Amino acid sequence: MEEFDVNPCKNGGSFWFSTLDLEILWKTCVRSDWFLWVLEKGLYDKPDKLRKFACECVRRTPYGNKKSWSIIENQDIKNTVICTEQYLEGRCSKDDLKNSSIIALASNPSKYHFELFVPFVSDISMDSILVAKYVSWEMALSSGDLRKGLDYQADFIREIIDHDDMEKCALYIRNNQIKPPIAGVI
């Protein structure tokens, strides 16, 4: 049997192997990147939900005492998120989505570095798990409190991704895993 490539980070691996009870892992996970690892390795196949998660990260990740959405000054960048949300709801065409993405990518971000990553939410040619990873990480990192940002985003995942889907991904990993990862693998 071929060995299944697990390789979570050291802390993620400690969390992952802390219990066999997937319900406890679901309820107590405080890092969106750990959830995204499970979805990626578990071959999650609902890209629209991952894009919705990325949009929620843009809108709701804490930034000081505000939410990130409220500090984005560039309306073109906001519009690409709005258009993506409308596309996911069937209220915006692919052409409109592509145009909003082009406009956002061509616009100059304001003073916030994370705005460079926001237009990725609308790039439907890009793998949705990568979009979710890049956007969520940049939003959390830019917030000034990475742990708090990832913690809030873990709640977004619990709101958007069905528990049963997460459990299927986790079971897929557990059923195909030969041995725990080497401690310290990042």
N, C-alpha and C. Protein backbone atom coordinates (compact mmCIF):
# COMPACT_ATOMS: atom_id res chain seq x y z
N MET A 1 0.84 -1.18 0.00
CA MET A 1 0.00 0.00 0.00
C MET A 1 0.88 1.24 0.00
N GLU A 2 0.53 2.19 -0.85
CA GLU A 2 1.29 3.43 -0.93
C GLU A 2 1.00 4.31 0.28
N GLU A 3 2.02 4.93 0.84
CA GLU A 3 1.84 5.78 2.01
C GLU A 3 1.11 7.06 1.62
N PHE A 4 0.14 7.42 2.42
CA PHE A 4 -0.64 8.63 2.20
C PHE A 4 0.12 9.82 2.78
N ASP A 5 0.26 10.88 2.01
CA ASP A 5 1.01 12.06 2.43
C ASP A 5 0.14 12.94 3.32
N VAL A 6 0.41 12.93 4.64
CA VAL A 6 -0.36 13.72 5.58
C VAL A 6 0.34 15.06 5.82
N ASN A 7 1.47 15.03 6.47
CA ASN A 7 2.34 16.19 6.70
C ASN A 7 1.67 17.49 7.15
N PRO A 8 0.93 17.47 8.25
CA PRO A 8 0.50 18.76 8.79
C PRO A 8 1.69 19.43 9.48
N CYS A 9 1.54 20.70 9.78
CA CYS A 9 2.59 21.36 10.55
C CYS A 9 2.66 20.72 11.94
N LYS A 10 3.70 21.04 12.68
CA LYS A 10 3.90 20.41 13.99
C LYS A 10 2.70 20.61 14.92
N ASN A 11 2.26 21.86 15.07
CA ASN A 11 1.12 22.13 15.96
C ASN A 11 -0.17 21.52 15.41
N GLY A 12 -0.36 21.61 14.10
CA GLY A 12 -1.54 21.01 13.50
C GLY A 12 -1.54 19.50 13.67
N GLY A 13 -0.37 18.88 13.54
CA GLY A 13 -0.26 17.44 13.75
C GLY A 13 -0.56 17.05 15.18
N SER A 14 -0.07 17.84 16.12
CA SER A 14 -0.37 17.57 17.54
C SER A 14 -1.87 17.63 17.78
N PHE A 15 -2.52 18.62 17.19
CA PHE A 15 -3.97 18.76 17.33
C PHE A 15 -4.68 17.58 16.65
N TRP A 16 -4.29 17.29 15.43
CA TRP A 16 -4.92 16.23 14.63
C TRP A 16 -4.86 14.88 15.34
N PHE A 17 -3.73 14.59 15.96
CA PHE A 17 -3.56 13.28 16.61
C PHE A 17 -3.91 13.31 18.10
N SER A 18 -4.47 14.41 18.59
CA SER A 18 -4.81 14.50 20.01
C SER A 18 -6.01 13.65 20.39
N THR A 19 -6.84 13.32 19.43
CA THR A 19 -8.03 12.50 19.70
C THR A 19 -8.51 11.84 18.41
N LEU A 20 -9.17 10.73 18.55
CA LEU A 20 -9.80 10.08 17.41
C LEU A 20 -11.21 10.61 17.20
N ASP A 21 -11.74 11.34 18.17
CA ASP A 21 -13.10 11.86 18.12
C ASP A 21 -13.16 13.08 17.20
N LEU A 22 -13.68 12.89 16.00
CA LEU A 22 -13.73 13.97 15.02
C LEU A 22 -14.66 15.10 15.46
N GLU A 23 -15.66 14.78 16.26
CA GLU A 23 -16.58 15.82 16.76
C GLU A 23 -15.83 16.81 17.65
N ILE A 24 -14.94 16.30 18.47
CA ILE A 24 -14.13 17.18 19.33
C ILE A 24 -13.23 18.06 18.46
N LEU A 25 -12.62 17.47 17.45
CA LEU A 25 -11.77 18.26 16.56
C LEU A 25 -12.58 19.36 15.86
N TRP A 26 -13.78 19.02 15.40
CA TRP A 26 -14.66 19.99 14.73
C TRP A 26 -15.00 21.15 15.66
N LYS A 27 -15.34 20.85 16.88
CA LYS A 27 -15.79 21.87 17.82
C LYS A 27 -14.66 22.71 18.40
N THR A 28 -13.46 22.13 18.51
CA THR A 28 -12.39 22.82 19.22
C THR A 28 -11.30 23.41 18.33
N CYS A 29 -11.37 23.17 17.04
CA CYS A 29 -10.33 23.71 16.15
C CYS A 29 -10.39 25.24 16.17
N VAL A 30 -9.25 25.86 16.38
CA VAL A 30 -9.18 27.32 16.46
C VAL A 30 -8.34 27.91 15.33
N ARG A 31 -8.11 27.12 14.29
CA ARG A 31 -7.28 27.62 13.19
C ARG A 31 -7.91 27.26 11.85
N SER A 32 -8.24 28.28 11.09
CA SER A 32 -8.82 28.05 9.78
C SER A 32 -7.86 27.30 8.87
N ASP A 33 -6.56 27.54 9.02
CA ASP A 33 -5.60 26.86 8.15
C ASP A 33 -5.58 25.35 8.43
N TRP A 34 -5.86 24.94 9.66
CA TRP A 34 -5.94 23.50 9.95
C TRP A 34 -7.18 22.89 9.30
N PHE A 35 -8.29 23.61 9.36
CA PHE A 35 -9.49 23.14 8.67
C PHE A 35 -9.23 23.03 7.16
N LEU A 36 -8.58 24.04 6.60
CA LEU A 36 -8.31 24.02 5.16
C LEU A 36 -7.38 22.86 4.79
N TRP A 37 -6.47 22.51 5.69
CA TRP A 37 -5.60 21.35 5.47
C TRP A 37 -6.44 20.09 5.37
N VAL A 38 -7.41 19.92 6.28
CA VAL A 38 -8.29 18.75 6.25
C VAL A 38 -9.08 18.72 4.94
N LEU A 39 -9.61 19.86 4.54
CA LEU A 39 -10.39 19.92 3.30
C LEU A 39 -9.52 19.59 2.09
N GLU A 40 -8.30 20.11 2.06
CA GLU A 40 -7.42 19.84 0.94
C GLU A 40 -7.02 18.37 0.88
N LYS A 41 -6.53 17.84 1.98
CA LYS A 41 -6.08 16.44 2.01
C LYS A 41 -7.25 15.47 1.88
N GLY A 42 -8.44 15.92 2.30
CA GLY A 42 -9.63 15.08 2.22
C GLY A 42 -10.36 15.20 0.90
N LEU A 43 -9.76 15.91 -0.06
CA LEU A 43 -10.28 16.04 -1.42
C LEU A 43 -11.67 16.68 -1.47
N TYR A 44 -11.86 17.73 -0.70
CA TYR A 44 -13.13 18.46 -0.67
C TYR A 44 -13.44 18.98 -2.07
N ASP A 45 -14.68 18.83 -2.49
CA ASP A 45 -15.02 19.12 -3.88
C ASP A 45 -16.16 20.12 -4.06
N LYS A 46 -16.24 21.10 -3.17
CA LYS A 46 -17.27 22.14 -3.29
C LYS A 46 -16.61 23.51 -3.35
N PRO A 47 -16.11 23.85 -4.54
CA PRO A 47 -15.34 25.10 -4.68
C PRO A 47 -16.14 26.36 -4.34
N ASP A 48 -17.44 26.36 -4.58
CA ASP A 48 -18.23 27.56 -4.28
C ASP A 48 -18.23 27.87 -2.79
N LYS A 49 -18.24 26.84 -1.97
CA LYS A 49 -18.22 27.08 -0.52
C LYS A 49 -16.86 27.61 -0.07
N LEU A 50 -15.80 27.15 -0.72
CA LEU A 50 -14.47 27.66 -0.39
C LEU A 50 -14.33 29.13 -0.80
N ARG A 51 -14.91 29.49 -1.93
CA ARG A 51 -14.88 30.89 -2.36
C ARG A 51 -15.73 31.76 -1.43
N LYS A 52 -16.87 31.22 -1.00
CA LYS A 52 -17.70 31.95 -0.04
C LYS A 52 -16.90 32.17 1.25
N PHE A 53 -16.18 31.15 1.69
CA PHE A 53 -15.34 31.30 2.87
C PHE A 53 -14.31 32.42 2.66
N ALA A 54 -13.66 32.44 1.49
CA ALA A 54 -12.67 33.49 1.20
C ALA A 54 -13.32 34.87 1.25
N CYS A 55 -14.51 34.99 0.70
CA CYS A 55 -15.23 36.28 0.74
C CYS A 55 -15.53 36.68 2.18
N GLU A 56 -15.95 35.73 3.00
CA GLU A 56 -16.23 36.03 4.40
C GLU A 56 -14.97 36.45 5.14
N CYS A 57 -13.84 35.86 4.78
CA CYS A 57 -12.57 36.29 5.38
C CYS A 57 -12.29 37.75 5.07
N VAL A 58 -12.57 38.16 3.83
CA VAL A 58 -12.36 39.55 3.44
C VAL A 58 -13.31 40.46 4.22
N ARG A 59 -14.53 40.03 4.38
CA ARG A 59 -15.53 40.87 5.03
C ARG A 59 -15.40 40.91 6.56
N ARG A 60 -15.05 39.78 7.18
CA ARG A 60 -15.25 39.68 8.63
C ARG A 60 -14.02 39.41 9.48
N THR A 61 -12.85 39.26 8.88
CA THR A 61 -11.66 39.05 9.70
C THR A 61 -11.42 40.30 10.55
N PRO A 62 -11.18 40.12 11.84
CA PRO A 62 -10.94 41.28 12.70
C PRO A 62 -9.68 42.04 12.27
N TYR A 63 -9.78 43.32 12.35
CA TYR A 63 -8.65 44.20 12.07
C TYR A 63 -8.68 45.28 13.14
N GLY A 64 -7.94 45.03 14.20
CA GLY A 64 -8.05 45.92 15.37
C GLY A 64 -9.44 45.77 15.96
N ASN A 65 -10.10 46.89 16.17
CA ASN A 65 -11.46 46.84 16.70
C ASN A 65 -12.51 46.94 15.60
N LYS A 66 -12.09 46.73 14.36
CA LYS A 66 -12.99 46.79 13.20
C LYS A 66 -12.95 45.45 12.47
N LYS A 67 -13.72 45.38 11.43
CA LYS A 67 -13.65 44.24 10.50
C LYS A 67 -12.89 44.71 9.27
N SER A 68 -12.19 43.79 8.64
CA SER A 68 -11.34 44.14 7.50
C SER A 68 -12.11 44.86 6.39
N TRP A 69 -13.35 44.49 6.16
CA TRP A 69 -14.14 45.11 5.10
C TRP A 69 -14.24 46.62 5.29
N SER A 70 -14.38 47.04 6.52
CA SER A 70 -14.58 48.46 6.79
C SER A 70 -13.34 49.31 6.53
N ILE A 71 -12.18 48.69 6.45
CA ILE A 71 -10.98 49.49 6.21
C ILE A 71 -10.52 49.46 4.75
N ILE A 72 -11.16 48.63 3.92
CA ILE A 72 -10.81 48.61 2.50
C ILE A 72 -11.35 49.88 1.87
N GLU A 73 -10.44 50.67 1.32
CA GLU A 73 -10.82 51.95 0.73
C GLU A 73 -11.08 51.85 -0.77
N ASN A 74 -10.49 50.88 -1.41
CA ASN A 74 -10.59 50.75 -2.85
C ASN A 74 -11.90 50.07 -3.24
N GLN A 75 -12.81 50.82 -3.86
CA GLN A 75 -14.13 50.28 -4.20
C GLN A 75 -14.04 49.19 -5.27
N ASP A 76 -13.06 49.26 -6.17
CA ASP A 76 -12.90 48.21 -7.18
C ASP A 76 -12.60 46.86 -6.52
N ILE A 77 -11.81 46.90 -5.48
CA ILE A 77 -11.48 45.67 -4.76
C ILE A 77 -12.71 45.15 -4.02
N LYS A 78 -13.48 46.04 -3.42
CA LYS A 78 -14.73 45.62 -2.77
C LYS A 78 -15.70 45.03 -3.81
N ASN A 79 -15.76 45.68 -4.97
CA ASN A 79 -16.70 45.22 -6.00
C ASN A 79 -16.40 43.80 -6.48
N THR A 80 -15.13 43.40 -6.50
CA THR A 80 -14.82 42.04 -6.94
C THR A 80 -15.34 41.02 -5.92
N VAL A 81 -15.35 41.36 -4.66
CA VAL A 81 -15.92 40.47 -3.63
C VAL A 81 -17.44 40.42 -3.79
N ILE A 82 -18.04 41.57 -3.96
CA ILE A 82 -19.50 41.64 -4.13
C ILE A 82 -19.92 40.84 -5.36
N CYS A 83 -19.20 41.02 -6.47
CA CYS A 83 -19.53 40.30 -7.70
C CYS A 83 -19.34 38.79 -7.52
N THR A 84 -18.31 38.39 -6.80
CA THR A 84 -18.08 36.97 -6.54
C THR A 84 -19.24 36.39 -5.73
N GLU A 85 -19.66 37.11 -4.71
CA GLU A 85 -20.80 36.63 -3.91
C GLU A 85 -22.06 36.52 -4.77
N GLN A 86 -22.27 37.50 -5.64
CA GLN A 86 -23.43 37.45 -6.53
C GLN A 86 -23.30 36.29 -7.52
N TYR A 87 -22.11 36.05 -8.01
CA TYR A 87 -21.88 34.92 -8.92
C TYR A 87 -22.21 33.59 -8.22
N LEU A 88 -21.78 33.45 -6.98
CA LEU A 88 -22.04 32.22 -6.23
C LEU A 88 -23.53 32.02 -5.98
N GLU A 89 -24.28 33.10 -5.97
CA GLU A 89 -25.74 33.03 -5.79
C GLU A 89 -26.48 32.98 -7.12
N GLY A 90 -25.74 32.98 -8.24
CA GLY A 90 -26.37 32.92 -9.55
C GLY A 90 -26.91 34.26 -10.04
N ARG A 91 -26.44 35.37 -9.46
CA ARG A 91 -26.94 36.70 -9.82
C ARG A 91 -25.92 37.53 -10.60
N CYS A 92 -24.84 36.89 -11.05
CA CYS A 92 -23.78 37.59 -11.78
C CYS A 92 -23.20 36.60 -12.79
N SER A 93 -22.93 37.07 -14.00
CA SER A 93 -22.40 36.18 -15.04
C SER A 93 -20.89 35.98 -14.89
N LYS A 94 -20.38 34.96 -15.58
CA LYS A 94 -18.93 34.73 -15.59
C LYS A 94 -18.20 35.93 -16.19
N ASP A 95 -18.78 36.52 -17.21
CA ASP A 95 -18.15 37.69 -17.84
C ASP A 95 -18.08 38.87 -16.88
N ASP A 96 -19.17 39.10 -16.13
CA ASP A 96 -19.16 40.18 -15.14
C ASP A 96 -18.11 39.91 -14.08
N LEU A 97 -18.03 38.65 -13.67
CA LEU A 97 -17.06 38.26 -12.65
C LEU A 97 -15.63 38.49 -13.16
N LYS A 98 -15.39 38.06 -14.38
CA LYS A 98 -14.06 38.24 -14.98
C LYS A 98 -13.71 39.73 -15.09
N ASN A 99 -14.67 40.53 -15.52
CA ASN A 99 -14.42 41.98 -15.65
C ASN A 99 -14.13 42.61 -14.30
N SER A 100 -14.87 42.22 -13.26
CA SER A 100 -14.62 42.80 -11.94
C SER A 100 -13.23 42.41 -11.44
N SER A 101 -12.82 41.19 -11.77
CA SER A 101 -11.50 40.73 -11.37
C SER A 101 -10.40 41.53 -12.08
N ILE A 102 -10.56 41.73 -13.35
CA ILE A 102 -9.58 42.50 -14.14
C ILE A 102 -9.46 43.92 -13.61
N ILE A 103 -10.59 44.53 -13.35
CA ILE A 103 -10.59 45.91 -12.83
C ILE A 103 -9.91 45.96 -11.47
N ALA A 104 -10.24 45.00 -10.60
CA ALA A 104 -9.65 45.00 -9.26
C ALA A 104 -8.14 44.76 -9.31
N LEU A 105 -7.72 43.85 -10.18
CA LEU A 105 -6.28 43.57 -10.29
C LEU A 105 -5.52 44.76 -10.86
N ALA A 106 -6.17 45.53 -11.73
CA ALA A 106 -5.51 46.69 -12.34
C ALA A 106 -5.53 47.92 -11.44
N SER A 107 -6.41 47.92 -10.45
CA SER A 107 -6.50 49.09 -9.58
C SER A 107 -5.37 49.08 -8.56
N ASN A 108 -5.09 50.22 -8.04
CA ASN A 108 -4.05 50.32 -7.03
C ASN A 108 -4.66 50.10 -5.65
N PRO A 109 -4.13 49.13 -4.92
CA PRO A 109 -4.63 48.96 -3.57
C PRO A 109 -4.31 50.19 -2.72
N SER A 110 -5.08 50.35 -1.67
CA SER A 110 -4.78 51.45 -0.76
C SER A 110 -3.55 51.04 0.05
N LYS A 111 -3.44 51.49 1.23
CA LYS A 111 -2.24 51.24 2.04
C LYS A 111 -2.16 49.83 2.61
N TYR A 112 -3.17 49.00 2.41
CA TYR A 112 -3.20 47.68 3.03
C TYR A 112 -2.72 46.60 2.08
N HIS A 113 -1.68 45.90 2.48
CA HIS A 113 -1.06 44.84 1.68
C HIS A 113 -2.05 43.75 1.30
N PHE A 114 -2.96 43.38 2.21
CA PHE A 114 -3.86 42.27 1.94
C PHE A 114 -4.76 42.52 0.74
N GLU A 115 -4.95 43.78 0.37
CA GLU A 115 -5.81 44.08 -0.78
C GLU A 115 -5.27 43.50 -2.08
N LEU A 116 -3.97 43.22 -2.12
CA LEU A 116 -3.40 42.59 -3.30
C LEU A 116 -3.97 41.18 -3.51
N PHE A 117 -4.39 40.52 -2.43
CA PHE A 117 -4.86 39.14 -2.50
C PHE A 117 -6.37 39.03 -2.66
N VAL A 118 -7.09 40.08 -2.34
CA VAL A 118 -8.55 40.03 -2.38
C VAL A 118 -9.09 39.65 -3.76
N PRO A 119 -8.58 40.20 -4.86
CA PRO A 119 -9.16 39.85 -6.17
C PRO A 119 -9.10 38.35 -6.52
N PHE A 120 -8.27 37.58 -5.82
CA PHE A 120 -8.23 36.14 -6.08
C PHE A 120 -9.57 35.46 -5.83
N VAL A 121 -10.44 36.06 -4.98
CA VAL A 121 -11.73 35.42 -4.70
C VAL A 121 -12.54 35.25 -5.98
N SER A 122 -12.32 36.12 -6.97
CA SER A 122 -13.12 36.08 -8.19
C SER A 122 -12.47 35.29 -9.33
N ASP A 123 -11.27 34.79 -9.13
CA ASP A 123 -10.58 34.07 -10.21
C ASP A 123 -11.02 32.60 -10.19
N ILE A 124 -12.07 32.30 -10.96
CA ILE A 124 -12.61 30.94 -10.94
C ILE A 124 -11.75 29.94 -11.70
N SER A 125 -10.71 30.43 -12.37
CA SER A 125 -9.78 29.49 -13.01
C SER A 125 -8.74 28.98 -12.01
N MET A 126 -8.62 29.67 -10.88
CA MET A 126 -7.65 29.28 -9.86
C MET A 126 -8.29 28.27 -8.91
N ASP A 127 -7.53 27.29 -8.48
CA ASP A 127 -8.02 26.27 -7.57
C ASP A 127 -8.62 26.92 -6.31
N SER A 128 -9.83 26.54 -5.96
CA SER A 128 -10.55 27.19 -4.87
C SER A 128 -9.90 26.98 -3.51
N ILE A 129 -9.24 25.85 -3.29
CA ILE A 129 -8.57 25.63 -2.01
C ILE A 129 -7.38 26.59 -1.87
N LEU A 130 -6.69 26.84 -2.98
CA LEU A 130 -5.59 27.81 -2.94
C LEU A 130 -6.11 29.22 -2.69
N VAL A 131 -7.22 29.56 -3.32
CA VAL A 131 -7.83 30.87 -3.10
C VAL A 131 -8.16 31.02 -1.61
N ALA A 132 -8.81 30.02 -1.05
CA ALA A 132 -9.19 30.07 0.36
C ALA A 132 -7.96 30.20 1.25
N LYS A 133 -6.91 29.44 0.94
CA LYS A 133 -5.69 29.50 1.75
C LYS A 133 -5.01 30.87 1.67
N TYR A 134 -4.80 31.37 0.45
CA TYR A 134 -4.11 32.64 0.27
C TYR A 134 -4.87 33.79 0.90
N VAL A 135 -6.15 33.88 0.57
CA VAL A 135 -6.94 35.01 1.05
C VAL A 135 -7.08 34.96 2.56
N SER A 136 -7.41 33.80 3.12
CA SER A 136 -7.62 33.73 4.57
C SER A 136 -6.32 34.02 5.32
N TRP A 137 -5.21 33.45 4.84
CA TRP A 137 -3.93 33.67 5.53
C TRP A 137 -3.54 35.14 5.49
N GLU A 138 -3.64 35.77 4.33
CA GLU A 138 -3.26 37.18 4.22
C GLU A 138 -4.16 38.07 5.07
N MET A 139 -5.45 37.75 5.12
CA MET A 139 -6.36 38.54 5.93
C MET A 139 -6.01 38.39 7.41
N ALA A 140 -5.76 37.16 7.84
CA ALA A 140 -5.41 36.93 9.26
C ALA A 140 -4.06 37.55 9.61
N LEU A 141 -3.09 37.40 8.71
CA LEU A 141 -1.76 37.95 8.95
C LEU A 141 -1.79 39.47 9.03
N SER A 142 -2.55 40.09 8.14
CA SER A 142 -2.63 41.54 8.11
C SER A 142 -3.41 42.12 9.28
N SER A 143 -4.18 41.29 9.94
CA SER A 143 -5.03 41.78 11.03
C SER A 143 -4.21 42.29 12.22
N GLY A 144 -2.95 41.88 12.30
CA GLY A 144 -2.12 42.26 13.43
C GLY A 144 -2.15 41.25 14.56
N ASP A 145 -3.07 40.31 14.50
CA ASP A 145 -3.17 39.25 15.50
C ASP A 145 -3.53 37.96 14.76
N LEU A 146 -2.49 37.29 14.28
CA LEU A 146 -2.68 36.11 13.44
C LEU A 146 -3.57 35.06 14.10
N ARG A 147 -3.29 34.76 15.36
CA ARG A 147 -4.09 33.74 16.06
C ARG A 147 -5.57 34.12 16.13
N LYS A 148 -5.83 35.35 16.48
CA LYS A 148 -7.22 35.81 16.58
C LYS A 148 -7.90 35.74 15.21
N GLY A 149 -7.19 36.16 14.17
CA GLY A 149 -7.74 36.11 12.82
C GLY A 149 -8.07 34.69 12.39
N LEU A 150 -7.14 33.75 12.61
CA LEU A 150 -7.37 32.36 12.24
C LEU A 150 -8.50 31.75 13.07
N ASP A 151 -8.59 32.14 14.33
CA ASP A 151 -9.65 31.65 15.21
C ASP A 151 -11.01 32.10 14.69
N TYR A 152 -11.15 33.39 14.38
CA TYR A 152 -12.41 33.88 13.83
C TYR A 152 -12.74 33.15 12.54
N GLN A 153 -11.75 32.96 11.69
CA GLN A 153 -11.98 32.30 10.42
C GLN A 153 -12.39 30.83 10.59
N ALA A 154 -11.92 30.18 11.64
CA ALA A 154 -12.36 28.80 11.91
C ALA A 154 -13.87 28.78 12.14
N ASP A 155 -14.38 29.81 12.78
CA ASP A 155 -15.83 29.91 12.96
C ASP A 155 -16.54 30.10 11.63
N PHE A 156 -15.93 30.87 10.71
CA PHE A 156 -16.54 31.04 9.38
C PHE A 156 -16.66 29.69 8.68
N ILE A 157 -15.62 28.88 8.80
CA ILE A 157 -15.65 27.56 8.17
C ILE A 157 -16.78 26.73 8.76
N ARG A 158 -16.93 26.75 10.09
CA ARG A 158 -18.01 25.99 10.71
C ARG A 158 -19.38 26.48 10.24
N GLU A 159 -19.49 27.76 9.89
CA GLU A 159 -20.75 28.30 9.37
C GLU A 159 -21.02 27.89 7.93
N ILE A 160 -19.97 27.78 7.13
CA ILE A 160 -20.12 27.61 5.67
C ILE A 160 -20.00 26.17 5.22
N ILE A 161 -19.03 25.45 5.76
CA ILE A 161 -18.78 24.07 5.35
C ILE A 161 -19.63 23.14 6.21
N ASP A 162 -20.34 22.25 5.59
CA ASP A 162 -21.17 21.31 6.33
C ASP A 162 -20.31 20.39 7.19
N HIS A 163 -20.77 20.16 8.40
CA HIS A 163 -20.07 19.26 9.33
C HIS A 163 -19.84 17.90 8.68
N ASP A 164 -20.85 17.38 8.00
CA ASP A 164 -20.72 16.05 7.38
C ASP A 164 -19.63 16.04 6.31
N ASP A 165 -19.51 17.13 5.56
CA ASP A 165 -18.45 17.21 4.55
C ASP A 165 -17.07 17.23 5.19
N MET A 166 -16.94 18.00 6.27
CA MET A 166 -15.66 18.05 6.97
C MET A 166 -15.33 16.67 7.54
N GLU A 167 -16.33 16.00 8.09
CA GLU A 167 -16.10 14.69 8.66
C GLU A 167 -15.69 13.68 7.58
N LYS A 168 -16.32 13.75 6.40
CA LYS A 168 -15.93 12.86 5.29
C LYS A 168 -14.47 13.08 4.91
N CYS A 169 -14.07 14.34 4.85
CA CYS A 169 -12.67 14.64 4.51
C CYS A 169 -11.74 14.10 5.59
N ALA A 170 -12.09 14.31 6.85
CA ALA A 170 -11.25 13.83 7.96
C ALA A 170 -11.17 12.31 7.95
N LEU A 171 -12.29 11.64 7.69
CA LEU A 171 -12.29 10.17 7.64
C LEU A 171 -11.47 9.66 6.47
N TYR A 172 -11.54 10.36 5.35
CA TYR A 172 -10.73 9.98 4.20
C TYR A 172 -9.24 10.01 4.57
N ILE A 173 -8.83 11.07 5.25
CA ILE A 173 -7.43 11.18 5.68
C ILE A 173 -7.10 10.06 6.65
N ARG A 174 -7.92 9.88 7.66
CA ARG A 174 -7.64 8.85 8.67
C ARG A 174 -7.61 7.45 8.06
N ASN A 175 -8.49 7.17 7.12
CA ASN A 175 -8.56 5.83 6.51
C ASN A 175 -7.40 5.56 5.56
N ASN A 176 -6.77 6.59 5.06
CA ASN A 176 -5.68 6.42 4.10
C ASN A 176 -4.31 6.71 4.69
N GLN A 177 -4.27 7.05 5.92
CA GLN A 177 -3.03 7.43 6.58
C GLN A 177 -2.33 6.18 7.12
N ILE A 178 -1.06 6.04 6.86
CA ILE A 178 -0.32 4.89 7.33
C ILE A 178 0.29 5.15 8.70
N LYS A 179 0.86 6.30 8.88
CA LYS A 179 1.51 6.62 10.16
C LYS A 179 1.43 8.12 10.39
N PRO A 180 1.56 8.53 11.64
CA PRO A 180 1.56 9.98 11.92
C PRO A 180 2.76 10.65 11.25
N PRO A 181 2.65 11.94 10.97
CA PRO A 181 3.78 12.64 10.36
C PRO A 181 4.94 12.76 11.34
N ILE A 182 6.10 13.00 10.79
CA ILE A 182 7.29 13.21 11.61
C ILE A 182 7.13 14.53 12.35
N ALA A 183 7.36 14.53 13.65
CA ALA A 183 7.26 15.74 14.44
C ALA A 183 8.18 16.81 13.88
N GLY A 184 7.67 18.02 13.83
CA GLY A 184 8.49 19.13 13.37
C GLY A 184 8.38 19.41 11.89
N VAL A 185 7.64 18.59 11.12
CA VAL A 185 7.48 18.87 9.70
C VAL A 185 6.60 20.10 9.55
N ILE A 186 7.05 21.05 8.81
CA ILE A 186 6.28 22.29 8.65
C ILE A 186 5.76 22.39 7.24
